[in-house]
């Protein structure tokens, strides 16, 4: 038999769990969880995806940082940013 799963309720539960864990981490250790993203180029779908992840990270209490680089960025420049 097929079980129908309510994705919105499951997602809300996961988000609440992450929020609670993030708050507990910050309270117990002073550490703020974070998400850093480097996006190279100007693909609109990639920017939309990264923007969505950044908003969700902030909603969960994470520090969120996005670095946007031009498509011409060299491997060396990228490596220097993430080093």
PDB file of N, CA and C in Angstrom:
ATOM      1  N   UNK A   1       0.842  -1.182   0.000  1.00  0.00           N
ATOM      2  CA  UNK A   1       0.000   0.000   0.000  1.00  0.00           C
ATOM      3  C   UNK A   1       0.889   1.247   0.000  1.00  0.00           C
ATOM      4  N   UNK A   2       0.451   2.257  -0.687  1.00  0.00           N
ATOM      5  CA  UNK A   2       1.197   3.504  -0.809  1.00  0.00           C
ATOM      6  C   UNK A   2       0.864   4.416   0.362  1.00  0.00           C
ATOM      7  N   UNK A   3       1.916   4.983   0.951  1.00  0.00           N
ATOM      8  CA  UNK A   3       1.721   5.949   2.031  1.00  0.00           C
ATOM      9  C   UNK A   3       2.016   7.336   1.473  1.00  0.00           C
ATOM     10  N   UNK A   4       1.042   8.230   1.590  1.00  0.00           N
ATOM     11  CA  UNK A   4       1.218   9.593   1.114  1.00  0.00           C
ATOM     12  C   UNK A   4       1.910  10.395   2.212  1.00  0.00           C
ATOM     13  N   UNK A   5       2.982  11.061   1.833  1.00  0.00           N
ATOM     14  CA  UNK A   5       3.748  11.860   2.787  1.00  0.00           C
ATOM     15  C   UNK A   5       3.491  13.330   2.497  1.00  0.00           C
ATOM     16  N   UNK A   6       3.178  14.090   3.538  1.00  0.00           N
ATOM     17  CA  UNK A   6       2.976  15.530   3.407  1.00  0.00           C
ATOM     18  C   UNK A   6       4.340  16.210   3.498  1.00  0.00           C
ATOM     19  N   UNK A   7       4.910  16.521   2.354  1.00  0.00           N
ATOM     20  CA  UNK A   7       6.252  17.090   2.295  1.00  0.00           C
ATOM     21  C   UNK A   7       6.397  18.393   3.048  1.00  0.00           C
ATOM     22  N   UNK A   8       5.368  19.233   3.027  1.00  0.00           N
ATOM     23  CA  UNK A   8       5.451  20.519   3.727  1.00  0.00           C
ATOM     24  C   UNK A   8       5.560  20.315   5.231  1.00  0.00           C
ATOM     25  N   UNK A   9       4.803  19.376   5.767  1.00  0.00           N
ATOM     26  CA  UNK A   9       4.883  19.105   7.207  1.00  0.00           C
ATOM     27  C   UNK A   9       6.233  18.500   7.580  1.00  0.00           C
ATOM     28  N   UNK A  10       6.728  17.601   6.755  1.00  0.00           N
ATOM     29  CA  UNK A  10       8.037  16.994   7.017  1.00  0.00           C
ATOM     30  C   UNK A  10       9.114  18.071   6.967  1.00  0.00           C
ATOM     31  N   UNK A  11       9.068  18.928   5.956  1.00  0.00           N
ATOM     32  CA  UNK A  11      10.059  20.001   5.830  1.00  0.00           C
ATOM     33  C   UNK A  11       9.997  20.944   7.024  1.00  0.00           C
ATOM     34  N   UNK A  12       8.802  21.309   7.452  1.00  0.00           N
ATOM     35  CA  UNK A  12       8.658  22.203   8.603  1.00  0.00           C
ATOM     36  C   UNK A  12       9.248  21.574   9.857  1.00  0.00           C
ATOM     37  N   UNK A  13       9.064  20.286  10.018  1.00  0.00           N
ATOM     38  CA  UNK A  13       9.622  19.582  11.169  1.00  0.00           C
ATOM     39  C   UNK A  13      11.149  19.575  11.126  1.00  0.00           C
ATOM     40  N   UNK A  14      11.703  19.324   9.949  1.00  0.00           N
ATOM     41  CA  UNK A  14      13.164  19.321   9.801  1.00  0.00           C
ATOM     42  C   UNK A  14      13.722  20.715  10.072  1.00  0.00           C
ATOM     43  N   UNK A  15      13.082  21.733   9.540  1.00  0.00           N
ATOM     44  CA  UNK A  15      13.535  23.110   9.760  1.00  0.00           C
ATOM     45  C   UNK A  15      13.510  23.445  11.240  1.00  0.00           C
ATOM     46  N   UNK A  16      12.457  23.060  11.928  1.00  0.00           N
ATOM     47  CA  UNK A  16      12.375  23.336  13.365  1.00  0.00           C
ATOM     48  C   UNK A  16      13.476  22.605  14.130  1.00  0.00           C
ATOM     49  N   UNK A  17      13.762  21.375  13.749  1.00  0.00           N
ATOM     50  CA  UNK A  17      14.843  20.618  14.389  1.00  0.00           C
ATOM     51  C   UNK A  17      16.187  21.311  14.185  1.00  0.00           C
ATOM     52  N   UNK A  18      16.437  21.777  12.972  1.00  0.00           N
ATOM     53  CA  UNK A  18      17.698  22.470  12.676  1.00  0.00           C
ATOM     54  C   UNK A  18      17.778  23.784  13.448  1.00  0.00           C
ATOM     55  N   UNK A  19      16.684  24.534  13.511  1.00  0.00           N
ATOM     56  CA  UNK A  19      16.663  25.787  14.280  1.00  0.00           C
ATOM     57  C   UNK A  19      17.009  25.527  15.738  1.00  0.00           C
ATOM     58  N   UNK A  20      16.400  24.510  16.312  1.00  0.00           N
ATOM     59  CA  UNK A  20      16.651  24.173  17.716  1.00  0.00           C
ATOM     60  C   UNK A  20      18.099  23.769  17.939  1.00  0.00           C
ATOM     61  N   UNK A  21      18.633  22.944  17.041  1.00  0.00           N
ATOM     62  CA  UNK A  21      20.024  22.503  17.175  1.00  0.00           C
ATOM     63  C   UNK A  21      20.985  23.676  17.011  1.00  0.00           C
ATOM     64  N   UNK A  22      20.679  24.576  16.099  1.00  0.00           N
ATOM     65  CA  UNK A  22      21.518  25.756  15.882  1.00  0.00           C
ATOM     66  C   UNK A  22      21.524  26.641  17.118  1.00  0.00           C
ATOM     67  N   UNK A  23      20.352  26.870  17.686  1.00  0.00           N
ATOM     68  CA  UNK A  23      20.252  27.691  18.896  1.00  0.00           C
ATOM     69  C   UNK A  23      20.984  27.036  20.060  1.00  0.00           C
ATOM     70  N   UNK A  24      20.859  25.725  20.196  1.00  0.00           N
ATOM     71  CA  UNK A  24      21.536  25.011  21.283  1.00  0.00           C
ATOM     72  C   UNK A  24      23.052  25.084  21.120  1.00  0.00           C
ATOM     73  N   UNK A  25      23.537  24.946  19.905  1.00  0.00           N
ATOM     74  CA  UNK A  25      24.973  25.044  19.646  1.00  0.00           C
ATOM     75  C   UNK A  25      25.496  26.426  20.026  1.00  0.00           C
ATOM     76  N   UNK A  26      24.769  27.445  19.613  1.00  0.00           N
ATOM     77  CA  UNK A  26      25.208  28.809  19.912  1.00  0.00           C
ATOM     78  C   UNK A  26      25.181  29.078  21.418  1.00  0.00           C
ATOM     79  N   UNK A  27      24.147  28.591  22.081  1.00  0.00           N
ATOM     80  CA  UNK A  27      24.030  28.807  23.524  1.00  0.00           C
ATOM     81  C   UNK A  27      25.128  28.066  24.288  1.00  0.00           C
ATOM     82  N   UNK A  28      25.411  26.838  23.895  1.00  0.00           N
ATOM     83  CA  UNK A  28      26.366  26.026  24.651  1.00  0.00           C
ATOM     84  C   UNK A  28      27.826  26.350  24.343  1.00  0.00           C
ATOM     85  N   UNK A  29      28.097  26.830  23.128  1.00  0.00           N
ATOM     86  CA  UNK A  29      29.499  27.020  22.749  1.00  0.00           C
ATOM     87  C   UNK A  29      29.830  28.409  22.219  1.00  0.00           C
ATOM     88  N   UNK A  30      28.806  29.196  21.950  1.00  0.00           N
ATOM     89  CA  UNK A  30      29.044  30.508  21.362  1.00  0.00           C
ATOM     90  C   UNK A  30      29.324  30.457  19.871  1.00  0.00           C
ATOM     91  N   UNK A  31      29.235  29.271  19.287  1.00  0.00           N
ATOM     92  CA  UNK A  31      29.506  29.094  17.863  1.00  0.00           C
ATOM     93  C   UNK A  31      28.215  29.280  17.073  1.00  0.00           C
ATOM     94  N   UNK A  32      28.288  30.109  16.038  1.00  0.00           N
ATOM     95  CA  UNK A  32      27.155  30.284  15.139  1.00  0.00           C
ATOM     96  C   UNK A  32      27.409  29.454  13.889  1.00  0.00           C
ATOM     97  N   UNK A  33      26.473  28.581  13.570  1.00  0.00           N
ATOM     98  CA  UNK A  33      26.601  27.763  12.359  1.00  0.00           C
ATOM     99  C   UNK A  33      26.597  28.680  11.140  1.00  0.00           C
ATOM    100  N   UNK A  34      27.211  28.227  10.065  1.00  0.00           N
ATOM    101  CA  UNK A  34      27.279  29.080   8.893  1.00  0.00           C
ATOM    102  C   UNK A  34      27.279  28.319   7.589  1.00  0.00           C
ATOM    103  N   UNK A  35      26.925  29.050   6.551  1.00  0.00           N
ATOM    104  CA  UNK A  35      26.944  28.533   5.187  1.00  0.00           C
ATOM    105  C   UNK A  35      27.659  29.562   4.327  1.00  0.00           C
ATOM    106  N   UNK A  36      28.717  29.151   3.665  1.00  0.00           N
ATOM    107  CA  UNK A  36      29.416  30.018   2.718  1.00  0.00           C
ATOM    108  C   UNK A  36      29.301  29.391   1.336  1.00  0.00           C
ATOM    109  N   UNK A  37      28.917  30.200   0.370  1.00  0.00           N
ATOM    110  CA  UNK A  37      28.717  29.717  -0.992  1.00  0.00           C
ATOM    111  C   UNK A  37      29.532  30.581  -1.943  1.00  0.00           C
ATOM    112  N   UNK A  38      30.189  29.934  -2.880  1.00  0.00           N
ATOM    113  CA  UNK A  38      30.890  30.637  -3.952  1.00  0.00           C
ATOM    114  C   UNK A  38      30.181  30.275  -5.246  1.00  0.00           C
ATOM    115  N   UNK A  39      29.735  31.278  -5.960  1.00  0.00           N
ATOM    116  CA  UNK A  39      29.078  31.031  -7.241  1.00  0.00           C
ATOM    117  C   UNK A  39      29.873  31.751  -8.323  1.00  0.00           C
ATOM    118  N   UNK A  40      30.193  31.025  -9.367  1.00  0.00           N
ATOM    119  CA  UNK A  40      30.997  31.567 -10.461  1.00  0.00           C
ATOM    120  C   UNK A  40      30.123  31.628 -11.708  1.00  0.00           C
ATOM    121  N   UNK A  41      30.046  32.802 -12.302  1.00  0.00           N
ATOM    122  CA  UNK A  41      29.250  32.970 -13.512  1.00  0.00           C
ATOM    123  C   UNK A  41      27.903  33.592 -13.212  1.00  0.00           C
ATOM    124  N   UNK A  42      27.075  33.654 -14.240  1.00  0.00           N
ATOM    125  CA  UNK A  42      25.805  34.360 -14.101  1.00  0.00           C
ATOM    126  C   UNK A  42      24.596  33.530 -14.530  1.00  0.00           C
ATOM    127  N   UNK A  43      24.657  32.240 -14.298  1.00  0.00           N
ATOM    128  CA  UNK A  43      23.520  31.383 -14.634  1.00  0.00           C
ATOM    129  C   UNK A  43      22.348  31.708 -13.711  1.00  0.00           C
ATOM    130  N   UNK A  44      21.220  32.180 -14.248  1.00  0.00           N
ATOM    131  CA  UNK A  44      20.091  32.577 -13.404  1.00  0.00           C
ATOM    132  C   UNK A  44      19.575  31.452 -12.503  1.00  0.00           C
ATOM    133  N   UNK A  45      19.547  30.234 -13.002  1.00  0.00           N
ATOM    134  CA  UNK A  45      19.056  29.119 -12.184  1.00  0.00           C
ATOM    135  C   UNK A  45      19.979  28.876 -10.995  1.00  0.00           C
ATOM    136  N   UNK A  46      21.274  28.985 -11.214  1.00  0.00           N
ATOM    137  CA  UNK A  46      22.233  28.805 -10.117  1.00  0.00           C
ATOM    138  C   UNK A  46      22.069  29.897  -9.073  1.00  0.00           C
ATOM    139  N   UNK A  47      21.880  31.130  -9.519  1.00  0.00           N
ATOM    140  CA  UNK A  47      21.697  32.235  -8.581  1.00  0.00           C
ATOM    141  C   UNK A  47      20.408  32.064  -7.781  1.00  0.00           C
ATOM    142  N   UNK A  48      19.344  31.601  -8.427  1.00  0.00           N
ATOM    143  CA  UNK A  48      18.083  31.368  -7.721  1.00  0.00           C
ATOM    144  C   UNK A  48      18.254  30.275  -6.672  1.00  0.00           C
ATOM    145  N   UNK A  49      18.936  29.200  -7.031  1.00  0.00           N
ATOM    146  CA  UNK A  49      19.166  28.093  -6.100  1.00  0.00           C
ATOM    147  C   UNK A  49      19.994  28.557  -4.908  1.00  0.00           C
ATOM    148  N   UNK A  50      21.082  29.260  -5.178  1.00  0.00           N
ATOM    149  CA  UNK A  50      21.955  29.736  -4.103  1.00  0.00           C
ATOM    150  C   UNK A  50      21.210  30.728  -3.213  1.00  0.00           C
ATOM    151  N   UNK A  51      20.411  31.597  -3.811  1.00  0.00           N
ATOM    152  CA  UNK A  51      19.622  32.543  -3.022  1.00  0.00           C
ATOM    153  C   UNK A  51      18.648  31.829  -2.099  1.00  0.00           C
ATOM    154  N   UNK A  52      18.020  30.784  -2.606  1.00  0.00           N
ATOM    155  CA  UNK A  52      17.090  29.994  -1.801  1.00  0.00           C
ATOM    156  C   UNK A  52      17.796  29.342  -0.618  1.00  0.00           C
ATOM    157  N   UNK A  53      18.971  28.788  -0.864  1.00  0.00           N
ATOM    158  CA  UNK A  53      19.735  28.146   0.221  1.00  0.00           C
ATOM    159  C   UNK A  53      20.174  29.174   1.254  1.00  0.00           C
ATOM    160  N   UNK A  54      20.549  30.359   0.806  1.00  0.00           N
ATOM    161  CA  UNK A  54      20.948  31.416   1.734  1.00  0.00           C
ATOM    162  C   UNK A  54      19.799  31.862   2.619  1.00  0.00           C
ATOM    163  N   UNK A  55      18.623  32.024   2.028  1.00  0.00           N
ATOM    164  CA  UNK A  55      17.441  32.411   2.821  1.00  0.00           C
ATOM    165  C   UNK A  55      17.092  31.335   3.844  1.00  0.00           C
ATOM    166  N   UNK A  56      17.164  30.074   3.440  1.00  0.00           N
ATOM    167  CA  UNK A  56      16.848  28.984   4.361  1.00  0.00           C
ATOM    168  C   UNK A  56      17.871  28.916   5.486  1.00  0.00           C
ATOM    169  N   UNK A  57      19.137  29.122   5.157  1.00  0.00           N
ATOM    170  CA  UNK A  57      20.178  29.112   6.186  1.00  0.00           C
ATOM    171  C   UNK A  57      19.900  30.197   7.222  1.00  0.00           C
ATOM    172  N   UNK A  58      19.576  31.390   6.761  1.00  0.00           N
ATOM    173  CA  UNK A  58      19.282  32.489   7.684  1.00  0.00           C
ATOM    174  C   UNK A  58      18.049  32.169   8.521  1.00  0.00           C
ATOM    175  N   UNK A  59      17.035  31.575   7.903  1.00  0.00           N
ATOM    176  CA  UNK A  59      15.828  31.200   8.642  1.00  0.00           C
ATOM    177  C   UNK A  59      16.155  30.218   9.764  1.00  0.00           C
ATOM    178  N   UNK A  60      17.139  29.376   9.533  1.00  0.00           N
ATOM    179  CA  UNK A  60      17.528  28.373  10.530  1.00  0.00           C
ATOM    180  C   UNK A  60      18.535  28.908  11.544  1.00  0.00           C
ATOM    181  N   UNK A  61      18.899  30.190  11.434  1.00  0.00           N
ATOM    182  CA  UNK A  61      19.807  30.786  12.398  1.00  0.00           C
ATOM    183  C   UNK A  61      21.271  30.728  12.014  1.00  0.00           C
ATOM    184  N   UNK A  62      21.561  30.342  10.789  1.00  0.00           N
ATOM    185  CA  UNK A  62      22.938  30.276  10.309  1.00  0.00           C
ATOM    186  C   UNK A  62      23.387  31.663   9.847  1.00  0.00           C
ATOM    187  N   UNK A  63      24.685  31.882   9.915  1.00  0.00           N
ATOM    188  CA  UNK A  63      25.271  33.020   9.218  1.00  0.00           C
ATOM    189  C   UNK A  63      25.429  32.566   7.773  1.00  0.00           C
ATOM    190  N   UNK A  64      25.025  33.398   6.820  1.00  0.00           N
ATOM    191  CA  UNK A  64      25.099  33.012   5.415  1.00  0.00           C
ATOM    192  C   UNK A  64      25.877  34.060   4.631  1.00  0.00           C
ATOM    193  N   UNK A  65      26.882  33.602   3.892  1.00  0.00           N
ATOM    194  CA  UNK A  65      27.729  34.486   3.098  1.00  0.00           C
ATOM    195  C   UNK A  65      27.776  33.951   1.674  1.00  0.00           C
ATOM    196  N   UNK A  66      27.610  34.850   0.718  1.00  0.00           N
ATOM    197  CA  UNK A  66      27.685  34.456  -0.689  1.00  0.00           C
ATOM    198  C   UNK A  66      28.763  35.278  -1.381  1.00  0.00           C
ATOM    199  N   UNK A  67      29.639  34.601  -2.085  1.00  0.00           N
ATOM    200  CA  UNK A  67      30.666  35.248  -2.902  1.00  0.00           C
ATOM    201  C   UNK A  67      30.303  34.983  -4.360  1.00  0.00           C
ATOM    202  N   UNK A  68      30.115  36.045  -5.121  1.00  0.00           N
ATOM    203  CA  UNK A  68      29.776  35.908  -6.534  1.00  0.00           C
ATOM    204  C   UNK A  68      30.958  36.378  -7.370  1.00  0.00           C
ATOM    205  N   UNK A  69      31.429  35.495  -8.231  1.00  0.00           N
ATOM    206  CA  UNK A  69      32.597  35.781  -9.059  1.00  0.00           C
ATOM    207  C   UNK A  69      32.214  35.723 -10.537  1.00  0.00           C
ATOM    208  N   UNK A  70      32.922  36.484 -11.373  1.00  0.00           N
ATOM    209  CA  UNK A  70      32.624  36.448 -12.809  1.00  0.00           C
ATOM    210  C   UNK A  70      33.021  35.109 -13.434  1.00  0.00           C
ATOM    211  N   UNK A  71      32.419  34.818 -14.562  1.00  0.00           N
ATOM    212  CA  UNK A  71      32.685  33.554 -15.256  1.00  0.00           C
ATOM    213  C   UNK A  71      34.156  33.402 -15.634  1.00  0.00           C
ATOM    214  N   UNK A  72      34.849  34.504 -15.783  1.00  0.00           N
ATOM    215  CA  UNK A  72      36.258  34.470 -16.188  1.00  0.00           C
ATOM    216  C   UNK A  72      37.199  34.154 -15.029  1.00  0.00           C
ATOM    217  N   UNK A  73      36.679  33.916 -13.846  1.00  0.00           N
ATOM    218  CA  UNK A  73      37.512  33.657 -12.670  1.00  0.00           C
ATOM    219  C   UNK A  73      38.389  32.431 -12.911  1.00  0.00           C
ATOM    220  N   UNK A  74      39.661  32.579 -12.599  1.00  0.00           N
ATOM    221  CA  UNK A  74      40.599  31.463 -12.789  1.00  0.00           C
ATOM    222  C   UNK A  74      40.530  30.502 -11.603  1.00  0.00           C
ATOM    223  N   UNK A  75      41.034  29.318 -11.824  1.00  0.00           N
ATOM    224  CA  UNK A  75      41.110  28.317 -10.761  1.00  0.00           C
ATOM    225  C   UNK A  75      41.937  28.855  -9.594  1.00  0.00           C
ATOM    226  N   UNK A  76      42.998  29.576  -9.905  1.00  0.00           N
ATOM    227  CA  UNK A  76      43.870  30.132  -8.865  1.00  0.00           C
ATOM    228  C   UNK A  76      43.125  31.169  -8.024  1.00  0.00           C
ATOM    229  N   UNK A  77      42.338  32.025  -8.676  1.00  0.00           N
ATOM    230  CA  UNK A  77      41.566  33.037  -7.948  1.00  0.00           C
ATOM    231  C   UNK A  77      40.530  32.375  -7.039  1.00  0.00           C
ATOM    232  N   UNK A  78      39.884  31.359  -7.558  1.00  0.00           N
ATOM    233  CA  UNK A  78      38.898  30.634  -6.764  1.00  0.00           C
ATOM    234  C   UNK A  78      39.560  29.960  -5.572  1.00  0.00           C
ATOM    235  N   UNK A  79      40.679  29.311  -5.796  1.00  0.00           N
ATOM    236  CA  UNK A  79      41.402  28.636  -4.712  1.00  0.00           C
ATOM    237  C   UNK A  79      41.848  29.636  -3.652  1.00  0.00           C
ATOM    238  N   UNK A  80      42.264  30.827  -4.070  1.00  0.00           N
ATOM    239  CA  UNK A  80      42.692  31.847  -3.112  1.00  0.00           C
ATOM    240  C   UNK A  80      41.526  32.302  -2.242  1.00  0.00           C
ATOM    241  N   UNK A  81      40.336  32.367  -2.817  1.00  0.00           N
ATOM    242  CA  UNK A  81      39.163  32.784  -2.047  1.00  0.00           C
ATOM    243  C   UNK A  81      38.805  31.761  -0.978  1.00  0.00           C
ATOM    244  N   UNK A  82      38.856  30.496  -1.312  1.00  0.00           N
ATOM    245  CA  UNK A  82      38.410  29.471  -0.366  1.00  0.00           C
ATOM    246  C   UNK A  82      39.513  28.973   0.560  1.00  0.00           C
ATOM    247  N   UNK A  83      40.735  29.409   0.329  1.00  0.00           N
ATOM    248  CA  UNK A  83      41.857  28.969   1.174  1.00  0.00           C
ATOM    249  C   UNK A  83      41.791  29.598   2.553  1.00  0.00           C
TER     250      UNK A  83
END
